[in-house]
C-alpha atoms as a PDB file:
ATOM      1  CA  MET A   1      39.794  53.100  37.254  1.00  0.00           C
ATOM      2  CA  LYS A   2      39.058  51.131  33.642  1.00  0.00           C
ATOM      3  CA  GLY A   3      35.396  51.300  34.841  1.00  0.00           C
ATOM      4  CA  SER A   4      35.374  54.931  35.628  1.00  0.00           C
ATOM      5  CA  LEU A   5      37.137  56.116  32.525  1.00  0.00           C
ATOM      6  CA  PHE A   6      34.343  53.707  30.698  1.00  0.00           C
ATOM      7  CA  ILE A   7      31.312  55.573  32.295  1.00  0.00           C
ATOM      8  CA  VAL A   8      33.002  59.026  31.648  1.00  0.00           C
ATOM      9  CA  GLY A   9      33.136  57.948  28.084  1.00  0.00           C
ATOM     10  CA  PHE A  10      29.739  57.478  27.867  1.00  0.00           C
ATOM     11  CA  PHE A  11      28.918  60.700  29.730  1.00  0.00           C
ATOM     12  CA  VAL A  12      31.001  62.433  27.185  1.00  0.00           C
ATOM     13  CA  LEU A  13      29.450  60.529  24.250  1.00  0.00           C
ATOM     14  CA  GLY A  14      25.761  61.842  25.400  1.00  0.00           C
ATOM     15  CA  ILE A  15      26.819  65.470  25.731  1.00  0.00           C
ATOM     16  CA  LEU A  16      28.306  64.820  21.924  1.00  0.00           C
ATOM     17  CA  CYS A  17      24.730  63.288  21.172  1.00  0.00           C
ATOM     18  CA  GLY A  18      22.871  66.035  22.740  1.00  0.00           C
ATOM     19  CA  LEU A  19      25.008  68.952  20.846  1.00  0.00           C
ATOM     20  CA  PHE A  20      24.800  67.358  17.472  1.00  0.00           C
ATOM     21  CA  ASP A  21      21.051  66.191  17.875  1.00  0.00           C
ATOM     22  CA  LEU A  22      21.760  62.791  17.213  1.00  0.00           C
ATOM     23  CA  ILE A  23      18.871  61.970  19.436  1.00  0.00           C
ATOM     24  CA  PRO A  24      15.365  62.463  18.728  1.00  0.00           C
ATOM     25  CA  ALA A  25      13.560  65.008  21.123  1.00  0.00           C
ATOM     26  CA  SER A  26      10.916  62.676  22.031  1.00  0.00           C
ATOM     27  CA  PHE A  27      13.648  60.143  23.523  1.00  0.00           C
ATOM     28  CA  THR A  28      14.246  62.969  26.356  1.00  0.00           C
ATOM     29  CA  GLU A  29      11.122  64.267  26.950  1.00  0.00           C
ATOM     30  CA  GLY A  30       9.859  61.046  28.226  1.00  0.00           C
ATOM     31  CA  SER A  31      10.330  58.634  31.306  1.00  0.00           C
ATOM     32  CA  VAL A  32      13.595  56.968  30.163  1.00  0.00           C
ATOM     33  CA  ASP A  33      15.456  58.183  33.071  1.00  0.00           C
ATOM     34  CA  PHE A  34      12.849  57.057  35.855  1.00  0.00           C
ATOM     35  CA  TYR A  35      12.658  53.503  34.124  1.00  0.00           C
ATOM     36  CA  ALA A  36      16.927  53.699  33.923  1.00  0.00           C
ATOM     37  CA  LEU A  37      17.107  54.559  37.530  1.00  0.00           C
ATOM     38  CA  CYS A  38      14.529  51.658  38.331  1.00  0.00           C
ATOM     39  CA  ALA A  39      16.655  49.038  36.539  1.00  0.00           C
ATOM     40  CA  LEU A  40      19.611  50.407  38.202  1.00  0.00           C
ATOM     41  CA  MET A  41      18.021  49.942  41.829  1.00  0.00           C
ATOM     42  CA  PHE A  42      17.205  46.463  40.526  1.00  0.00           C
ATOM     43  CA  CYS A  43      20.327  45.541  39.973  1.00  0.00           C
ATOM     44  CA  VAL A  44      21.606  47.140  43.447  1.00  0.00           C
ATOM     45  CA  GLY A  45      18.977  44.703  44.748  1.00  0.00           C
ATOM     46  CA  ILE A  46      20.258  41.763  43.034  1.00  0.00           C
ATOM     47  CA  SER A  47      24.002  42.530  43.875  1.00  0.00           C
ATOM     48  CA  VAL A  48      23.282  42.949  47.632  1.00  0.00           C
ATOM     49  CA  GLY A  49      20.877  39.939  47.725  1.00  0.00           C
ATOM     50  CA  ILE A  50      22.903  37.396  45.692  1.00  0.00           C
ATOM     51  CA  ASP A  51      25.774  37.005  48.474  1.00  0.00           C
ATOM     52  CA  SER A  52      24.013  34.464  51.119  1.00  0.00           C
ATOM     53  CA  GLU A  53      26.787  34.917  53.230  1.00  0.00           C
ATOM     54  CA  ILE A  54      26.768  38.738  53.715  1.00  0.00           C
ATOM     55  CA  ILE A  55      25.153  38.615  56.942  1.00  0.00           C
ATOM     56  CA  THR A  56      27.186  35.917  58.603  1.00  0.00           C
ATOM     57  CA  LYS A  57      30.300  37.560  57.361  1.00  0.00           C
ATOM     58  CA  PHE A  58      29.147  40.999  59.101  1.00  0.00           C
ATOM     59  CA  LYS A  59      28.691  39.053  62.534  1.00  0.00           C
ATOM     60  CA  THR A  60      32.500  38.654  62.535  1.00  0.00           C
ATOM     61  CA  LEU A  61      32.988  42.386  62.678  1.00  0.00           C
ATOM     62  CA  ASP A  62      34.412  44.164  65.654  1.00  0.00           C
ATOM     63  CA  ARG A  63      31.421  46.195  67.155  1.00  0.00           C
ATOM     64  CA  ARG A  64      33.260  49.656  67.058  1.00  0.00           C
ATOM     65  CA  MET A  65      34.402  49.147  63.420  1.00  0.00           C
ATOM     66  CA  MET A  66      30.355  49.087  62.716  1.00  0.00           C
ATOM     67  CA  LEU A  67      30.563  52.835  63.458  1.00  0.00           C
ATOM     68  CA  LEU A  68      32.511  53.500  60.821  1.00  0.00           C
ATOM     69  CA  PRO A  69      30.084  53.964  57.805  1.00  0.00           C
ATOM     70  CA  VAL A  70      27.998  56.397  60.105  1.00  0.00           C
ATOM     71  CA  LEU A  71      31.112  58.288  60.555  1.00  0.00           C
ATOM     72  CA  THR A  72      31.927  58.539  56.768  1.00  0.00           C
ATOM     73  CA  ILE A  73      28.439  59.495  55.989  1.00  0.00           C
ATOM     74  CA  LEU A  74      28.959  62.315  58.935  1.00  0.00           C
ATOM     75  CA  GLY A  75      32.170  63.590  57.516  1.00  0.00           C
ATOM     76  CA  THR A  76      31.464  63.650  53.992  1.00  0.00           C
ATOM     77  CA  LEU A  77      28.319  65.522  54.706  1.00  0.00           C
ATOM     78  CA  GLY A  78      30.505  67.742  57.220  1.00  0.00           C
ATOM     79  CA  GLY A  79      33.005  68.424  54.457  1.00  0.00           C
ATOM     80  CA  SER A  80      30.170  68.945  51.882  1.00  0.00           C
ATOM     81  CA  ALA A  81      28.535  71.684  54.178  1.00  0.00           C
ATOM     82  CA  LEU A  82      32.149  73.359  54.580  1.00  0.00           C
ATOM     83  CA  ALA A  83      32.170  73.521  50.562  1.00  0.00           C
ATOM     84  CA  SER A  84      29.075  75.183  50.362  1.00  0.00           C
ATOM     85  CA  LEU A  85      30.545  78.301  52.714  1.00  0.00           C
ATOM     86  CA  LEU A  86      33.461  78.370  50.141  1.00  0.00           C
ATOM     87  CA  LEU A  87      31.316  77.822  46.712  1.00  0.00           C
ATOM     88  CA  ASP A  88      29.070  81.422  45.712  1.00  0.00           C
ATOM     89  CA  GLY A  89      25.976  80.546  44.146  1.00  0.00           C
ATOM     90  CA  ARG A  90      25.362  77.171  45.592  1.00  0.00           C
ATOM     91  CA  ARG A  91      22.916  76.373  48.482  1.00  0.00           C
ATOM     92  CA  LEU A  92      23.709  74.153  51.097  1.00  0.00           C
ATOM     93  CA  ALA A  93      21.067  71.540  50.246  1.00  0.00           C
ATOM     94  CA  ASP A  94      22.603  71.203  46.817  1.00  0.00           C
ATOM     95  CA  CYS A  95      25.906  70.534  48.227  1.00  0.00           C
ATOM     96  CA  LEU A  96      24.888  67.965  50.620  1.00  0.00           C
ATOM     97  CA  ALA A  97      23.013  66.320  47.881  1.00  0.00           C
ATOM     98  CA  ILE A  98      26.113  66.061  45.895  1.00  0.00           C
ATOM     99  CA  GLY A  99      28.370  64.900  48.823  1.00  0.00           C
ATOM    100  CA  SER A 100      25.486  62.392  49.575  1.00  0.00           C
ATOM    101  CA  GLY A 101      26.388  60.105  46.664  1.00  0.00           C
ATOM    102  CA  MET A 102      29.174  58.608  48.751  1.00  0.00           C
ATOM    103  CA  GLY A 103      31.147  57.987  45.417  1.00  0.00           C
ATOM    104  CA  TYR A 104      27.932  56.285  43.905  1.00  0.00           C
ATOM    105  CA  TYR A 105      28.123  58.509  40.453  1.00  0.00           C
ATOM    106  CA  SER A 106      25.511  56.280  38.561  1.00  0.00           C
ATOM    107  CA  LEU A 107      22.782  56.423  41.008  1.00  0.00           C
ATOM    108  CA  SER A 108      23.214  59.807  42.568  1.00  0.00           C
ATOM    109  CA  SER A 109      23.674  61.715  39.433  1.00  0.00           C
ATOM    110  CA  ILE A 110      20.161  59.915  38.160  1.00  0.00           C
ATOM    111  CA  PHE A 111      18.533  61.411  41.127  1.00  0.00           C
ATOM    112  CA  ILE A 112      19.921  64.491  41.104  1.00  0.00           C
ATOM    113  CA  THR A 113      19.437  65.237  37.573  1.00  0.00           C
ATOM    114  CA  GLN A 114      15.632  64.387  37.891  1.00  0.00           C
ATOM    115  CA  TYR A 115      15.100  66.612  41.405  1.00  0.00           C
ATOM    116  CA  ARG A 116      17.596  69.697  40.296  1.00  0.00           C
ATOM    117  CA  GLY A 117      18.370  69.777  36.947  1.00  0.00           C
ATOM    118  CA  ALA A 118      21.468  68.488  34.409  1.00  0.00           C
ATOM    119  CA  GLU A 119      23.901  70.943  35.652  1.00  0.00           C
ATOM    120  CA  LEU A 120      23.862  69.565  39.157  1.00  0.00           C
ATOM    121  CA  GLY A 121      23.373  66.400  38.214  1.00  0.00           C
ATOM    122  CA  THR A 122      26.602  66.883  36.010  1.00  0.00           C
ATOM    123  CA  ILE A 123      28.628  68.322  39.052  1.00  0.00           C
ATOM    124  CA  ALA A 124      27.646  65.099  41.017  1.00  0.00           C
ATOM    125  CA  LEU A 125      28.705  62.655  38.507  1.00  0.00           C
ATOM    126  CA  LEU A 126      32.136  64.291  38.491  1.00  0.00           C
ATOM    127  CA  THR A 127      32.176  64.841  41.924  1.00  0.00           C
ATOM    128  CA  ASN A 128      31.803  61.073  42.678  1.00  0.00           C
ATOM    129  CA  ILE A 129      34.041  59.938  40.056  1.00  0.00           C
ATOM    130  CA  ILE A 130      36.712  62.135  41.421  1.00  0.00           C
ATOM    131  CA  ARG A 131      36.284  60.555  44.731  1.00  0.00           C
ATOM    132  CA  GLU A 132      36.659  56.945  43.219  1.00  0.00           C
ATOM    133  CA  VAL A 133      39.696  57.864  41.198  1.00  0.00           C
ATOM    134  CA  ALA A 134      41.127  59.561  43.885  1.00  0.00           C
ATOM    135  CA  THR A 135      40.551  56.335  46.460  1.00  0.00           C
ATOM    136  CA  LEU A 136      42.180  54.457  43.789  1.00  0.00           C
ATOM    137  CA  LEU A 137      45.077  56.211  43.176  1.00  0.00           C
ATOM    138  CA  LEU A 138      45.791  57.258  46.842  1.00  0.00           C
ATOM    139  CA  ALA A 139      44.818  54.222  48.679  1.00  0.00           C
ATOM    140  CA  PRO A 140      48.406  53.505  49.738  1.00  0.00           C
ATOM    141  CA  LEU A 141      49.537  56.629  50.719  1.00  0.00           C
ATOM    142  CA  MET A 142      46.543  57.481  52.710  1.00  0.00           C
ATOM    143  CA  ALA A 143      46.789  53.994  54.546  1.00  0.00           C
ATOM    144  CA  ARG A 144      50.704  54.818  55.113  1.00  0.00           C
ATOM    145  CA  CYS A 145      49.788  58.634  56.687  1.00  0.00           C
ATOM    146  CA  LEU A 146      46.403  58.521  57.655  1.00  0.00           C
ATOM    147  CA  GLY A 147      45.870  54.899  59.011  1.00  0.00           C
ATOM    148  CA  LYS A 148      44.146  51.617  57.480  1.00  0.00           C
ATOM    149  CA  LEU A 149      40.754  52.970  57.824  1.00  0.00           C
ATOM    150  CA  ALA A 150      41.396  55.986  55.866  1.00  0.00           C
ATOM    151  CA  PRO A 151      41.464  54.310  52.208  1.00  0.00           C
ATOM    152  CA  ILE A 152      37.964  52.817  53.512  1.00  0.00           C
ATOM    153  CA  SER A 153      36.257  55.888  54.349  1.00  0.00           C
ATOM    154  CA  SER A 154      37.494  57.979  50.767  1.00  0.00           C
ATOM    155  CA  GLY A 155      36.251  55.269  49.020  1.00  0.00           C
ATOM    156  CA  GLY A 156      32.873  55.427  50.411  1.00  0.00           C
ATOM    157  CA  ALA A 157      29.713  53.484  48.539  1.00  0.00           C
ATOM    158  CA  THR A 158      32.449  51.935  46.307  1.00  0.00           C
ATOM    159  CA  THR A 159      34.470  50.055  48.834  1.00  0.00           C
ATOM    160  CA  MET A 160      32.225  46.705  48.368  1.00  0.00           C
ATOM    161  CA  ASP A 161      33.200  46.902  44.529  1.00  0.00           C
ATOM    162  CA  THR A 162      35.418  48.710  42.530  1.00  0.00           C
ATOM    163  CA  THR A 163      37.805  50.056  45.174  1.00  0.00           C
ATOM    164  CA  LEU A 164      37.904  46.921  47.296  1.00  0.00           C
ATOM    165  CA  PRO A 165      40.957  45.519  45.323  1.00  0.00           C
ATOM    166  CA  ILE A 166      43.180  48.355  46.084  1.00  0.00           C
ATOM    167  CA  ILE A 167      41.806  48.746  49.607  1.00  0.00           C
ATOM    168  CA  THR A 168      42.740  45.364  50.149  1.00  0.00           C
ATOM    169  CA  ARG A 169      46.377  45.907  48.921  1.00  0.00           C
ATOM    170  CA  ALA A 170      46.792  49.077  50.777  1.00  0.00           C
ATOM    171  CA  SER A 171      45.235  48.154  54.116  1.00  0.00           C
ATOM    172  CA  GLY A 172      45.511  44.302  54.203  1.00  0.00           C
ATOM    173  CA  GLU A 173      43.225  41.498  53.480  1.00  0.00           C
ATOM    174  CA  GLU A 174      41.858  41.804  57.580  1.00  0.00           C
ATOM    175  CA  TYR A 175      39.836  44.997  56.257  1.00  0.00           C
ATOM    176  CA  VAL A 176      37.933  42.970  53.402  1.00  0.00           C
ATOM    177  CA  ILE A 177      34.755  42.341  55.559  1.00  0.00           C
ATOM    178  CA  LEU A 178      34.639  45.560  57.006  1.00  0.00           C
ATOM    179  CA  SER A 179      35.408  47.335  53.543  1.00  0.00           C
ATOM    180  CA  ILE A 180      32.247  45.258  52.233  1.00  0.00           C
ATOM    181  CA  PHE A 181      29.936  46.330  55.240  1.00  0.00           C
ATOM    182  CA  HIS A 182      31.094  49.747  55.134  1.00  0.00           C
ATOM    183  CA  GLY A 183      30.240  49.661  51.015  1.00  0.00           C
ATOM    184  CA  ALA A 184      27.016  48.165  51.588  1.00  0.00           C
ATOM    185  CA  LEU A 185      25.681  50.712  54.195  1.00  0.00           C
ATOM    186  CA  THR A 186      27.069  53.561  52.372  1.00  0.00           C
ATOM    187  CA  ASP A 187      25.884  52.254  49.208  1.00  0.00           C
ATOM    188  CA  PHE A 188      22.023  51.829  51.005  1.00  0.00           C
ATOM    189  CA  SER A 189      22.046  55.444  52.327  1.00  0.00           C
ATOM    190  CA  VAL A 190      22.689  57.183  49.127  1.00  0.00           C
ATOM    191  CA  PRO A 191      19.248  57.105  47.500  1.00  0.00           C
ATOM    192  CA  PHE A 192      17.375  58.190  51.034  1.00  0.00           C
ATOM    193  CA  LEU A 193      20.059  61.045  51.421  1.00  0.00           C
ATOM    194  CA  VAL A 194      20.075  62.350  47.936  1.00  0.00           C
ATOM    195  CA  THR A 195      16.397  62.450  47.703  1.00  0.00           C
ATOM    196  CA  PHE A 196      16.197  63.952  51.520  1.00  0.00           C
ATOM    197  CA  PHE A 197      18.395  67.123  50.544  1.00  0.00           C
ATOM    198  CA  CYS A 198      17.230  67.566  46.819  1.00  0.00           C
ATOM    199  CA  SER A 199      13.468  67.942  48.220  1.00  0.00           C
ATOM    200  CA  ILE A 200      14.596  70.843  50.743  1.00  0.00           C
END
């Protein structure tokens, strides 16, 4: 949760810098956001590649449980499509692009800002932060009322890092490998789904 607040703090700082013209206009007119995105993708690749035992760990999973990331993605997209019916002035593709962030606010918001502009990028950032914070706060309640898999689905792409400790406490240590597998697959889907829905 502290990490999420840290990110929001930088977001607010960026808004203030923009409002009070503290950053030169030439800085924002360049390709800074593109290079930041490339650096972020490089870091994601390092985090996946650094764990040499990740494939071995995944082999111990129950085959049926491997469907959980797919079901999470389909459920998220279904919920996003439903939200588009309730929100006037928002296109289905925009809602699907925001939902495709799967809680990965830093990556999805940069992509969406680049393709669709700062307003939708900001909505994506806040939506995905809310998803992560809701998982952090409500994981025990979800596990008790909706089942042990509920906090994992709720966490989306964050289940391999920031929400993993709370999911482990709420669902049990036997769900650690599934949580990491789920996070890795939903994480991997984010750039493809976001760019696809942004290009529609």
